[in-house]
């Protein structure tokens, strides 16, 4: 089965010579394999007439075409298709009773489309894109007997009430007005608001406006609003973003409790959280913007290890050129240069909140990971070091140029990504080394013709990281760079940050809540302790292992290594491994 997809944002008929049409062998032989639209000038490609030569792909100056061959048996698994040469989805995940079902895969593979179908918002067209008549009866008849068919039958006959926790919680203040309490009381269909706000630790936020909340607070408010609704199925799209490890574990318990009586599906990119949260996982693979294929559900450990390996044995398909390899951490203290910035005895009062610090410094070619609970002053510390905020007491010695990527990234302008990079970085981003090690590694080379205000959260995050790393600076501050990135993109981002610092002898502060991301990217660790919103104290930087043990002991969580993939896994509380590590003081096992 041949699939031909046109990337609409990339196709620029006014800036090309219609190479796809001019060089197509069937067209040159009189076969209408490619027809140019009379109004837009864009090509319409006939998949049945295409011979798969790939000439049009190579000749297109804007990389606007994807033509690939898929197994013929997938024709029976077509679920939905957007237009003649649009994205298409194969198979669906299955909401299961009494189990948390996870979805694991890259962004742009149709996860949102699948959620819209399972919530009844879209009646799938089974690939018949030119038909205006879509009926649930046809969809149900096309599926084998089983839990998915029964679920879609329930949607078609009685309707299903669905509650969806949106992916991009940082956009909520733009969409909703009023206070937190008014929002939550307005959606409290189950009458459990008092219980939920305490469980989620947001009872003190009820009188605040949404515009006053941090990313982690917005995430917890969004989760609370979702759980308060009376629904048959609950979808949680990236519920761990912006949350610290303690809050993530609290969310795990809440979602698992909800799954005891309702169907729950979770989309999550933090592998450690996905591992401890889900009972079953569907892997979704394909080509971004072209097609997505859901695999049958697997047990959690098997699914994650198979995804990391990049090979699906049951389907005999390789979904990635190379496996994602987890390696035990190696201390890099000998590679650090001279100190470029020092601080000591800092104090900063912000209303009822007070931040204090010990003495510390950052060296040239060093990456300092920054960890700690939300609301303990991590971003405040970064702004103090950057000179964006005056400290009340203490000292900072530095003449370093700063490049800063904030926690919440926005792109309200209509520039293309290419134009945006030119405006921010000039010719710097075109340089061979930077383009290969950063731009291409983060997938931004595939976004150059897209409008900045049309980027997804993950795409916008990647572009913002490229801009931050591309500036001429001595010290780079990146606040939660892993947010909205899929598992593979997180690995590539961590490597890109490390390569940039080592190659250019620069330094970086990286604030993040993904424990393994911090482990990959960091030489040392700055640890924030305290009570969120009230006080925070920063100590370090420590050697990474000592800092991680201090941090995890504070949040009362132990990690072990999977014996096959070496990925970090959260121990169940009071398990044998958990007790052993606690007794030895090794909360983050590096070589287990």
Protein backbone atom coordinates (compact mmCIF):
# COMPACT_ATOMS: atom_id res chain seq x y z
CA UNK A 1 0.00 0.00 0.00
CA UNK A 2 1.52 3.28 -1.13
CA UNK A 3 1.05 6.43 0.96
CA UNK A 4 1.59 9.87 -0.58
CA UNK A 5 1.39 12.88 1.73
CA UNK A 6 1.74 16.58 0.98
CA UNK A 7 3.07 18.74 3.81
CA UNK A 8 0.86 21.78 3.26
CA UNK A 9 3.01 24.21 5.23
CA UNK A 10 6.12 23.28 3.25
CA UNK A 11 4.57 23.38 -0.22
CA UNK A 12 5.37 26.76 -1.84
CA UNK A 13 4.08 26.64 -5.46
CA UNK A 14 4.92 30.32 -6.02
CA UNK A 15 8.55 29.68 -5.11
CA UNK A 16 9.23 26.61 -7.23
CA UNK A 17 9.08 25.46 -10.84
CA UNK A 18 6.57 22.64 -10.23
CA UNK A 19 9.44 20.16 -10.14
CA UNK A 20 7.24 17.40 -8.68
CA UNK A 21 5.01 17.55 -11.76
CA UNK A 22 7.72 18.28 -14.33
CA UNK A 23 10.02 15.38 -13.39
CA UNK A 24 7.38 12.71 -12.59
CA UNK A 25 7.97 9.75 -15.00
CA UNK A 26 4.28 8.75 -15.25
CA UNK A 27 3.29 12.38 -15.98
CA UNK A 28 5.95 12.60 -18.70
CA UNK A 29 4.42 9.45 -20.21
CA UNK A 30 0.94 10.96 -20.26
CA UNK A 31 -0.37 9.42 -17.00
CA UNK A 32 -2.05 11.89 -14.65
CA UNK A 33 -0.21 10.72 -11.56
CA UNK A 34 0.22 14.32 -10.33
CA UNK A 35 -2.33 17.05 -11.04
CA UNK A 36 -1.72 20.67 -10.06
CA UNK A 37 -4.65 22.40 -8.38
CA UNK A 38 -6.07 25.23 -10.49
CA UNK A 39 -6.55 27.54 -7.49
CA UNK A 40 -3.59 26.83 -5.18
CA UNK A 41 -1.09 25.37 -7.60
CA UNK A 42 -0.38 22.56 -5.14
CA UNK A 43 -0.10 18.97 -6.37
CA UNK A 44 -2.66 16.20 -5.95
CA UNK A 45 -0.91 12.84 -6.07
CA UNK A 46 -2.67 9.65 -7.12
CA UNK A 47 -1.38 6.85 -4.90
CA UNK A 48 -2.69 4.17 -7.27
CA UNK A 49 -0.81 5.64 -10.24
CA UNK A 50 2.38 6.55 -8.37
CA UNK A 51 5.27 4.16 -9.12
CA UNK A 52 7.22 5.10 -5.97
CA UNK A 53 10.34 6.24 -7.82
CA UNK A 54 11.02 9.03 -5.28
CA UNK A 55 12.06 11.56 -7.95
CA UNK A 56 9.47 14.11 -6.88
CA UNK A 57 10.66 13.86 -3.26
CA UNK A 58 14.25 14.59 -4.24
CA UNK A 59 13.37 17.32 -6.72
CA UNK A 60 11.00 19.26 -4.40
CA UNK A 61 13.02 22.28 -3.16
CA UNK A 62 10.87 22.65 -0.03
CA UNK A 63 10.79 19.04 1.22
CA UNK A 64 7.02 19.02 0.93
CA UNK A 65 6.39 15.41 -0.11
CA UNK A 66 6.36 12.09 1.73
CA UNK A 67 5.88 8.91 -0.30
CA UNK A 68 6.33 5.57 1.41
CA UNK A 69 5.25 1.96 1.18
CA UNK A 70 3.26 0.30 3.98
CA UNK A 71 2.28 -3.37 4.43
CA UNK A 72 -0.84 -4.20 2.41
CA UNK A 73 -2.54 -5.76 5.45
CA UNK A 74 -2.87 -2.29 6.97
CA UNK A 75 -5.56 -1.50 4.38
CA UNK A 76 -8.03 -3.36 6.60
CA UNK A 77 -6.96 -1.30 9.62
CA UNK A 78 -7.55 2.17 8.16
CA UNK A 79 -9.41 4.34 10.65
CA UNK A 80 -9.29 7.92 9.43
CA UNK A 81 -7.79 10.02 6.67
CA UNK A 82 -7.55 13.79 6.26
CA UNK A 83 -7.89 14.56 2.56
CA UNK A 84 -6.44 12.99 -0.57
CA UNK A 85 -2.82 13.51 0.44
CA UNK A 86 -3.35 14.14 4.14
CA UNK A 87 -2.48 12.36 7.37
CA UNK A 88 -4.01 8.95 7.95
CA UNK A 89 -4.48 6.86 11.10
CA UNK A 90 -4.38 3.07 11.41
CA UNK A 91 -5.93 1.25 14.38
CA UNK A 92 -6.99 2.73 17.72
CA UNK A 93 -6.02 2.32 21.37
CA UNK A 94 -8.56 0.54 23.55
CA UNK A 95 -9.93 2.03 26.79
CA UNK A 96 -10.04 -0.83 29.32
CA UNK A 97 -11.99 -1.25 32.53
CA UNK A 98 -10.06 -1.21 35.79
CA UNK A 99 -6.75 -0.49 34.05
CA UNK A 100 -4.71 2.59 33.21
CA UNK A 101 -3.93 2.44 29.48
CA UNK A 102 -0.91 4.40 28.29
CA UNK A 103 0.03 5.69 24.85
CA UNK A 104 3.72 5.94 24.01
CA UNK A 105 5.15 7.42 20.85
CA UNK A 106 6.49 10.54 19.13
CA UNK A 107 4.46 13.69 18.66
CA UNK A 108 2.62 14.08 15.35
CA UNK A 109 1.52 10.43 15.11
CA UNK A 110 -2.22 10.92 15.55
CA UNK A 111 -2.67 10.60 19.31
CA UNK A 112 -4.99 13.63 19.38
CA UNK A 113 -6.98 12.25 16.44
CA UNK A 114 -7.40 8.96 18.29
CA UNK A 115 -8.66 10.77 21.39
CA UNK A 116 -11.15 12.76 19.30
CA UNK A 117 -12.47 9.52 17.79
CA UNK A 118 -12.72 7.69 21.12
CA UNK A 119 -14.52 10.68 22.64
CA UNK A 120 -17.07 10.70 19.81
CA UNK A 121 -16.05 14.10 18.45
CA UNK A 122 -14.97 12.57 15.14
CA UNK A 123 -16.75 9.75 13.27
CA UNK A 124 -13.86 8.09 11.43
CA UNK A 125 -14.15 7.83 7.65
CA UNK A 126 -12.21 4.55 7.32
CA UNK A 127 -9.97 6.17 4.74
CA UNK A 128 -12.84 7.33 2.49
CA UNK A 129 -11.77 10.97 2.69
CA UNK A 130 -14.04 12.15 -0.15
CA UNK A 131 -17.22 10.80 1.46
CA UNK A 132 -19.47 13.16 3.43
CA UNK A 133 -21.42 10.27 4.93
CA UNK A 134 -19.68 8.63 7.88
CA UNK A 135 -21.62 6.29 10.16
CA UNK A 136 -20.67 4.53 13.38
CA UNK A 137 -22.32 1.36 12.08
CA UNK A 138 -19.76 1.09 9.28
CA UNK A 139 -16.89 1.70 11.68
CA UNK A 140 -18.12 -0.88 14.18
CA UNK A 141 -18.71 -3.45 11.46
CA UNK A 142 -15.10 -3.05 10.27
CA UNK A 143 -13.65 -3.97 13.67
CA UNK A 144 -13.17 -7.48 15.10
CA UNK A 145 -15.22 -8.44 18.12
CA UNK A 146 -13.61 -7.26 21.31
CA UNK A 147 -13.37 -4.48 23.86
CA UNK A 148 -12.78 -1.69 21.32
CA UNK A 149 -15.81 -2.70 19.26
CA UNK A 150 -17.96 -2.83 22.38
CA UNK A 151 -16.71 0.61 23.43
CA UNK A 152 -17.47 2.22 20.05
CA UNK A 153 -20.90 0.54 20.08
CA UNK A 154 -21.55 2.23 23.40
CA UNK A 155 -20.52 5.57 21.88
CA UNK A 156 -22.85 5.14 18.92
CA UNK A 157 -25.87 3.95 20.89
CA UNK A 158 -25.86 5.70 24.23
CA UNK A 159 -23.07 8.21 23.88
CA UNK A 160 -20.08 8.40 26.14
CA UNK A 161 -19.20 11.31 28.40
CA UNK A 162 -15.51 12.10 28.14
CA UNK A 163 -13.29 14.33 30.26
CA UNK A 164 -10.04 15.45 28.65
CA UNK A 165 -7.11 17.04 30.45
CA UNK A 166 -5.53 19.20 27.72
CA UNK A 167 -1.86 18.96 26.81
CA UNK A 168 -0.96 22.64 26.84
CA UNK A 169 -2.02 23.87 30.26
CA UNK A 170 0.01 27.06 29.89
CA UNK A 171 -2.64 28.26 27.42
CA UNK A 172 -5.49 27.98 29.94
CA UNK A 173 -5.19 31.58 31.23
CA UNK A 174 -5.75 32.80 27.66
CA UNK A 175 -8.83 30.61 27.23
CA UNK A 176 -10.51 30.94 30.63
CA UNK A 177 -11.20 33.93 32.85
CA UNK A 178 -11.86 34.20 36.56
CA UNK A 179 -10.43 32.53 39.62
CA UNK A 180 -9.39 28.98 40.35
CA UNK A 181 -12.21 28.40 42.83
CA UNK A 182 -14.88 29.58 40.37
CA UNK A 183 -13.50 27.33 37.65
CA UNK A 184 -13.37 24.20 39.82
CA UNK A 185 -16.76 24.76 41.46
CA UNK A 186 -18.26 25.23 38.00
CA UNK A 187 -17.12 21.76 36.83
CA UNK A 188 -17.62 19.85 40.10
CA UNK A 189 -20.17 17.33 38.85
CA UNK A 190 -19.06 14.63 41.31
CA UNK A 191 -19.27 16.78 44.45
CA UNK A 192 -15.70 16.00 45.54
CA UNK A 193 -14.01 19.37 45.15
CA UNK A 194 -12.96 19.67 48.80
CA UNK A 195 -11.31 16.24 48.73
CA UNK A 196 -9.55 16.77 45.39
CA UNK A 197 -8.04 20.20 46.09
CA UNK A 198 -6.44 18.79 49.24
CA UNK A 199 -5.16 15.68 47.46
CA UNK A 200 -3.61 17.82 44.74
CA UNK A 201 -2.26 20.44 47.13
CA UNK A 202 -4.10 23.36 45.51
CA UNK A 203 -6.49 24.29 48.32
CA UNK A 204 -4.47 27.48 48.91
CA UNK A 205 -4.93 28.55 45.27
CA UNK A 206 -8.72 28.83 45.19
CA UNK A 207 -8.76 32.61 45.51
CA UNK A 208 -6.10 33.20 42.85
CA UNK A 209 -6.56 34.09 39.19
CA UNK A 210 -5.38 31.62 36.55
CA UNK A 211 -2.97 34.26 35.26
CA UNK A 212 -1.17 34.20 38.63
CA UNK A 213 -0.37 30.48 38.56
CA UNK A 214 2.91 28.77 37.68
CA UNK A 215 3.09 25.92 35.17
CA UNK A 216 2.95 23.26 37.89
CA UNK A 217 -0.03 24.94 39.56
CA UNK A 218 -1.87 25.21 36.23
CA UNK A 219 -1.21 21.51 35.61
CA UNK A 220 -2.67 20.48 38.97
CA UNK A 221 -5.70 22.76 38.49
CA UNK A 222 -6.30 21.22 35.03
CA UNK A 223 -6.04 17.68 36.43
CA UNK A 224 -8.40 18.58 39.27
CA UNK A 225 -10.95 20.08 36.85
CA UNK A 226 -10.81 16.89 34.75
CA UNK A 227 -11.28 14.53 37.70
CA UNK A 228 -14.20 16.61 39.07
CA UNK A 229 -16.26 15.99 35.95
CA UNK A 230 -18.69 13.04 35.83
CA UNK A 231 -17.44 11.03 32.87
CA UNK A 232 -17.20 7.49 31.52
CA UNK A 233 -13.68 7.92 30.14
CA UNK A 234 -10.86 10.18 31.30
CA UNK A 235 -8.03 11.22 28.99
CA UNK A 236 -4.90 12.75 30.52
CA UNK A 237 -2.57 14.31 27.95
CA UNK A 238 0.92 14.75 29.45
CA UNK A 239 -0.21 15.09 33.09
CA UNK A 240 3.36 15.24 34.44
CA UNK A 241 4.54 18.36 32.58
CA UNK A 242 5.79 21.11 34.94
CA UNK A 243 5.32 18.88 38.01
CA UNK A 244 8.15 17.91 40.33
CA UNK A 245 8.77 14.24 41.17
CA UNK A 246 6.79 14.42 44.41
CA UNK A 247 3.76 15.89 42.60
CA UNK A 248 4.11 13.35 39.79
CA UNK A 249 3.90 10.49 42.27
CA UNK A 250 0.84 12.10 43.83
CA UNK A 251 -0.79 12.25 40.36
CA UNK A 252 0.08 8.58 39.80
CA UNK A 253 -1.86 7.59 42.91
CA UNK A 254 -4.84 9.76 42.01
CA UNK A 255 -5.13 8.44 38.43
CA UNK A 256 -4.75 4.82 39.53
CA UNK A 257 -7.50 5.34 42.11
CA UNK A 258 -9.74 6.84 39.41
CA UNK A 259 -9.10 3.82 37.14
CA UNK A 260 -10.66 1.50 39.73
CA UNK A 261 -14.11 2.73 38.66
CA UNK A 262 -13.60 4.49 35.30
CA UNK A 263 -11.76 4.00 32.02
CA UNK A 264 -8.53 5.99 31.87
CA UNK A 265 -6.10 6.66 29.01
CA UNK A 266 -2.83 8.54 29.58
CA UNK A 267 -0.44 10.06 27.04
CA UNK A 268 2.92 10.57 28.73
CA UNK A 269 6.57 11.04 27.69
CA UNK A 270 8.24 10.63 31.09
CA UNK A 271 9.15 6.95 30.87
CA UNK A 272 9.64 6.55 34.61
CA UNK A 273 6.15 7.90 35.35
CA UNK A 274 4.56 5.95 32.48
CA UNK A 275 6.19 2.81 33.87
CA UNK A 276 4.85 3.18 37.39
CA UNK A 277 1.42 4.54 36.33
CA UNK A 278 0.14 2.27 33.54
CA UNK A 279 -1.04 -1.33 33.38
CA UNK A 280 -1.00 -1.59 29.57
CA UNK A 281 0.65 0.51 26.85
CA UNK A 282 -0.12 1.03 23.16
CA UNK A 283 2.90 2.08 21.09
CA UNK A 284 2.16 4.44 18.20
CA UNK A 285 4.67 4.74 15.37
CA UNK A 286 4.81 6.07 11.82
CA UNK A 287 6.05 9.21 10.10
CA UNK A 288 5.31 12.61 11.54
CA UNK A 289 2.54 14.37 9.64
CA UNK A 290 2.07 11.41 7.27
CA UNK A 291 0.64 8.42 9.12
CA UNK A 292 0.35 6.86 12.55
CA UNK A 293 -0.13 3.19 13.49
CA UNK A 294 -1.23 1.96 16.93
CA UNK A 295 0.04 -1.43 18.04
CA UNK A 296 -1.98 -3.80 20.25
CA UNK A 297 -1.56 -3.19 23.97
CA UNK A 298 1.44 -4.74 25.71
CA UNK A 299 2.43 -5.01 29.34
CA UNK A 300 4.07 -1.80 30.53
CA UNK A 301 7.65 -3.02 30.94
CA UNK A 302 7.63 -4.94 27.65
CA UNK A 303 6.14 -1.99 25.72
CA UNK A 304 8.66 0.55 27.02
CA UNK A 305 11.66 -1.71 26.38
CA UNK A 306 10.40 -2.55 22.87
CA UNK A 307 9.89 1.16 22.14
CA UNK A 308 13.39 1.98 23.32
CA UNK A 309 14.88 -0.84 21.24
CA UNK A 310 13.04 0.48 18.19
CA UNK A 311 11.98 -2.94 16.90
CA UNK A 312 8.48 -4.44 17.14
CA UNK A 313 9.04 -8.22 17.07
CA UNK A 314 5.38 -9.21 16.60
CA UNK A 315 5.03 -6.94 13.55
CA UNK A 316 8.65 -7.49 12.42
CA UNK A 317 9.00 -3.73 11.95
CA UNK A 318 11.80 -1.36 12.89
CA UNK A 319 10.36 1.97 14.02
CA UNK A 320 13.68 3.75 14.61
CA UNK A 321 17.06 3.67 12.88
CA UNK A 322 18.88 3.05 16.15
CA UNK A 323 17.80 2.13 19.69
CA UNK A 324 17.57 4.64 22.51
CA UNK A 325 20.42 3.48 24.75
CA UNK A 326 20.48 4.27 28.45
CA UNK A 327 23.90 4.26 30.03
CA UNK A 328 24.88 4.44 33.64
CA UNK A 329 26.19 7.86 34.52
CA UNK A 330 29.88 8.70 34.45
CA UNK A 331 31.16 11.57 36.59
CA UNK A 332 32.73 14.32 34.48
CA UNK A 333 34.36 16.47 37.15
CA UNK A 334 37.80 16.30 35.52
CA UNK A 335 36.47 18.00 32.37
CA UNK A 336 35.35 21.22 34.07
CA UNK A 337 37.18 24.48 33.45
CA UNK A 338 37.75 27.56 35.61
CA UNK A 339 34.83 29.14 37.54
CA UNK A 340 32.92 31.74 35.51
CA UNK A 341 30.28 32.65 38.09
CA UNK A 342 30.07 32.47 41.89
CA UNK A 343 27.42 33.34 44.46
CA UNK A 344 26.95 33.19 48.20
CA UNK A 345 24.52 33.91 51.05
CA UNK A 346 21.82 35.16 48.69
CA UNK A 347 18.50 36.31 50.08
CA UNK A 348 15.42 37.36 48.16
CA UNK A 349 11.97 38.17 49.55
CA UNK A 350 8.97 38.03 47.23
CA UNK A 351 5.86 38.74 49.26
CA UNK A 352 5.43 35.82 51.65
CA UNK A 353 8.16 33.81 49.94
CA UNK A 354 11.84 33.90 50.94
CA UNK A 355 14.78 32.37 49.07
CA UNK A 356 18.19 31.79 50.64
CA UNK A 357 21.35 30.13 49.38
CA UNK A 358 24.72 28.83 50.45
CA UNK A 359 27.89 29.44 48.46
CA UNK A 360 28.43 27.95 45.03
CA UNK A 361 29.92 28.45 41.58
CA UNK A 362 29.69 27.18 38.03
CA UNK A 363 32.72 26.32 35.91
CA UNK A 364 33.42 26.71 32.23
CA UNK A 365 32.21 23.66 30.23
CA UNK A 366 29.99 22.61 33.16
CA UNK A 367 26.28 21.85 33.05
CA UNK A 368 24.52 22.27 36.40
CA UNK A 369 21.19 20.48 36.74
CA UNK A 370 18.67 22.26 38.95
CA UNK A 371 16.15 20.16 40.89
CA UNK A 372 13.64 20.79 43.63
CA UNK A 373 9.96 21.04 44.43
CA UNK A 374 7.80 23.55 42.59
CA UNK A 375 7.60 26.94 44.27
CA UNK A 376 10.96 26.70 46.07
CA UNK A 377 12.65 29.40 43.97
CA UNK A 378 14.41 27.67 41.05
CA UNK A 379 13.30 30.23 38.46
CA UNK A 380 13.89 33.06 40.95
CA UNK A 381 17.47 31.88 41.44
CA UNK A 382 18.02 31.77 37.67
CA UNK A 383 16.73 35.34 37.32
CA UNK A 384 18.97 36.52 40.17
CA UNK A 385 22.02 35.01 38.47
CA UNK A 386 20.97 36.43 35.12
CA UNK A 387 20.66 39.90 36.63
CA UNK A 388 16.95 40.18 35.82
CA UNK A 389 16.13 40.56 39.51
CA UNK A 390 17.94 42.32 42.36
CA UNK A 391 18.84 40.26 45.43
CA UNK A 392 18.23 41.62 48.95
CA UNK A 393 21.45 40.28 50.44
CA UNK A 394 24.50 38.22 49.47
CA UNK A 395 26.70 38.43 46.41
CA UNK A 396 27.08 37.29 42.82
CA UNK A 397 30.35 37.70 40.93
CA UNK A 398 30.10 37.37 37.16
CA UNK A 399 30.48 39.21 33.91
CA UNK A 400 28.96 36.40 31.92
CA UNK A 401 26.66 36.99 28.95
CA UNK A 402 23.37 35.16 29.53
CA UNK A 403 21.02 33.35 27.14
CA UNK A 404 17.71 32.45 28.78
CA UNK A 405 14.88 30.11 27.71
CA UNK A 406 11.89 30.71 29.99
CA UNK A 407 9.56 28.03 31.31
CA UNK A 408 6.61 29.12 29.16
CA UNK A 409 7.54 29.77 25.54
CA UNK A 410 5.29 31.74 23.20
CA UNK A 411 5.26 32.63 19.52
CA UNK A 412 2.51 35.13 18.80
CA UNK A 413 4.05 36.41 15.55
CA UNK A 414 3.33 35.01 12.09
CA UNK A 415 6.92 34.54 10.98
CA UNK A 416 8.05 31.28 9.44
CA UNK A 417 10.48 29.33 11.62
CA UNK A 418 13.24 30.06 9.09
CA UNK A 419 12.56 33.81 9.37
CA UNK A 420 12.34 33.60 13.16
CA UNK A 421 15.74 31.91 13.38
CA UNK A 422 17.23 34.49 11.02
CA UNK A 423 15.84 37.33 13.15
CA UNK A 424 17.13 35.85 16.43
CA UNK A 425 20.42 34.26 15.38
CA UNK A 426 21.35 35.69 11.99
CA UNK A 427 23.71 33.48 9.97
CA UNK A 428 24.88 31.66 13.13
CA UNK A 429 22.23 28.93 12.85
CA UNK A 430 23.34 28.08 9.29
CA UNK A 431 26.83 27.03 10.41
CA UNK A 432 27.58 23.39 9.71
CA UNK A 433 28.37 22.21 13.24
CA UNK A 434 25.46 23.99 14.93
CA UNK A 435 23.03 22.98 12.20
CA UNK A 436 23.97 19.31 12.51
CA UNK A 437 24.44 19.04 16.30
CA UNK A 438 21.48 21.19 17.35
CA UNK A 439 19.07 22.23 14.55
CA UNK A 440 18.89 18.83 12.87
CA UNK A 441 19.20 16.85 16.11
CA UNK A 442 16.11 18.61 17.51
CA UNK A 443 14.16 18.19 14.26
CA UNK A 444 13.88 21.93 13.67
CA UNK A 445 15.18 21.54 10.10
CA UNK A 446 11.80 19.92 9.34
CA UNK A 447 9.88 22.95 10.66
CA UNK A 448 11.53 25.78 8.72
CA UNK A 449 8.53 26.54 6.49
CA UNK A 450 5.93 26.34 9.27
CA UNK A 451 4.44 29.47 10.82
CA UNK A 452 5.65 30.04 14.37
CA UNK A 453 2.15 30.63 15.73
CA UNK A 454 1.01 27.30 14.23
CA UNK A 455 3.66 25.17 15.96
CA UNK A 456 2.65 22.50 18.47
CA UNK A 457 3.93 22.71 22.03
CA UNK A 458 6.77 20.25 21.38
CA UNK A 459 7.77 21.98 18.13
CA UNK A 460 7.75 25.39 19.80
CA UNK A 461 9.86 24.02 22.64
CA UNK A 462 12.45 22.66 20.19
CA UNK A 463 12.69 25.95 18.29
CA UNK A 464 13.05 27.89 21.56
CA UNK A 465 15.90 25.61 22.67
CA UNK A 466 17.65 26.10 19.32
CA UNK A 467 17.33 29.89 19.69
CA UNK A 468 18.66 29.79 23.27
CA UNK A 469 21.65 27.60 22.37
CA UNK A 470 22.34 29.59 19.19
CA UNK A 471 22.90 32.91 20.92
CA UNK A 472 26.43 34.09 21.67
CA UNK A 473 26.63 33.72 25.45
CA UNK A 474 28.81 32.41 28.27
CA UNK A 475 26.00 30.97 30.38
CA UNK A 476 22.79 29.33 29.12
CA UNK A 477 19.73 29.11 31.37
CA UNK A 478 17.10 26.61 30.22
CA UNK A 479 13.91 26.35 32.27
CA UNK A 480 12.14 22.99 31.76
CA UNK A 481 13.43 22.22 28.25
CA UNK A 482 11.90 18.70 28.28
CA UNK A 483 8.28 19.91 28.60
CA UNK A 484 6.07 18.62 25.73
CA UNK A 485 8.97 16.73 24.11
CA UNK A 486 8.56 13.01 23.44
CA UNK A 487 10.99 10.47 24.88
CA UNK A 488 13.29 10.40 21.86
CA UNK A 489 13.32 14.20 21.54
CA UNK A 490 14.27 14.50 25.22
CA UNK A 491 17.30 12.30 24.68
CA UNK A 492 18.39 14.28 21.62
CA UNK A 493 17.87 17.59 23.43
CA UNK A 494 19.97 16.50 26.40
CA UNK A 495 22.77 15.41 24.07
CA UNK A 496 22.54 18.66 22.08
CA UNK A 497 22.91 20.75 25.24
CA UNK A 498 25.93 18.72 26.36
CA UNK A 499 27.59 18.89 22.94
CA UNK A 500 27.10 22.66 22.75
CA UNK A 501 28.65 23.27 26.16
CA UNK A 502 31.62 20.95 25.60
CA UNK A 503 32.40 22.05 22.05
CA UNK A 504 32.27 25.78 22.83
CA UNK A 505 33.52 25.67 26.45
CA UNK A 506 30.30 27.27 27.66
CA UNK A 507 28.23 26.66 30.80
CA UNK A 508 24.56 25.98 31.47
CA UNK A 509 21.92 25.83 34.18
CA UNK A 510 19.19 23.33 33.28
CA UNK A 511 16.01 23.36 35.39
CA UNK A 512 13.91 20.24 34.82
CA UNK A 513 11.74 17.66 36.58
CA UNK A 514 12.53 14.67 34.34
CA UNK A 515 15.03 12.82 36.51
CA UNK A 516 16.73 10.94 33.70
CA UNK A 517 16.96 14.05 31.51
CA UNK A 518 18.80 15.73 34.38
CA UNK A 519 21.07 12.69 34.76
CA UNK A 520 22.06 12.71 31.08
CA UNK A 521 22.71 16.43 30.78
CA UNK A 522 24.28 17.33 34.14
CA UNK A 523 27.80 17.39 35.53
CA UNK A 524 26.62 18.52 38.96
CA UNK A 525 23.39 19.27 40.78
CA UNK A 526 21.94 22.33 42.49
CA UNK A 527 19.34 21.15 45.02
CA UNK A 528 16.42 23.29 46.19
CA UNK A 529 14.75 22.40 49.47
CA UNK A 530 11.89 24.09 51.27
CA UNK A 531 8.12 24.51 51.20
CA UNK A 532 6.52 25.55 47.94
CA UNK A 533 5.37 29.17 47.92
CA UNK A 534 6.74 29.86 51.41
CA UNK A 535 10.49 29.38 51.53
CA UNK A 536 13.33 27.81 49.62
CA UNK A 537 16.99 27.16 50.30
CA UNK A 538 19.49 26.20 47.62
CA UNK A 539 22.60 24.13 48.31
CA UNK A 540 25.35 22.97 45.97
CA UNK A 541 26.32 22.34 43.30
CA UNK A 542 27.00 18.79 44.48
CA UNK A 543 28.54 15.94 42.52
CA UNK A 544 25.66 14.44 40.61
CA UNK A 545 25.28 11.22 42.58
CA UNK A 546 25.41 12.97 45.97
CA UNK A 547 22.98 15.65 44.79
CA UNK A 548 20.51 13.15 43.35
CA UNK A 549 20.53 11.08 46.54
CA UNK A 550 19.95 14.20 48.64
CA UNK A 551 17.09 15.32 46.38
CA UNK A 552 15.34 11.92 46.18
CA UNK A 553 15.68 11.37 49.92
CA UNK A 554 13.85 14.67 50.40
CA UNK A 555 10.96 13.61 48.11
CA UNK A 556 11.01 10.04 49.49
CA UNK A 557 11.38 8.17 46.18
CA UNK A 558 13.93 5.53 45.13
CA UNK A 559 15.01 4.65 41.58
CA UNK A 560 16.54 1.45 40.21
CA UNK A 561 17.83 0.50 36.75
CA UNK A 562 15.95 -1.90 34.47
CA UNK A 563 18.22 -4.92 34.09
CA UNK A 564 17.67 -5.09 30.29
CA UNK A 565 17.46 -1.50 29.01
CA UNK A 566 19.24 0.23 31.95
CA UNK A 567 16.49 2.87 32.01
CA UNK A 568 15.59 4.35 35.40
CA UNK A 569 12.51 2.86 37.06
CA UNK A 570 10.71 4.07 40.17
CA UNK A 571 10.56 1.48 42.95
CA UNK A 572 7.20 0.65 44.46
CA UNK A 573 7.03 1.92 48.01
CA UNK A 574 8.16 -0.68 50.55
CA UNK A 575 9.21 -3.18 47.88
CA UNK A 576 12.33 -5.23 48.53
CA UNK A 577 14.44 -3.06 46.24
CA UNK A 578 13.01 0.10 47.82
CA UNK A 579 13.89 -1.09 51.34
CA UNK A 580 17.40 -2.16 50.30
CA UNK A 581 18.22 1.17 48.68
CA UNK A 582 16.81 3.20 51.55
CA UNK A 583 18.85 1.26 54.08
CA UNK A 584 22.04 1.85 52.06
CA UNK A 585 21.23 5.51 51.38
CA UNK A 586 21.39 4.87 47.63
CA UNK A 587 18.13 6.46 46.47
CA UNK A 588 19.24 6.65 42.83
CA UNK A 589 20.94 3.36 41.93
CA UNK A 590 23.49 4.04 39.20
CA UNK A 591 24.65 0.53 38.52
CA UNK A 592 21.78 -1.70 39.65
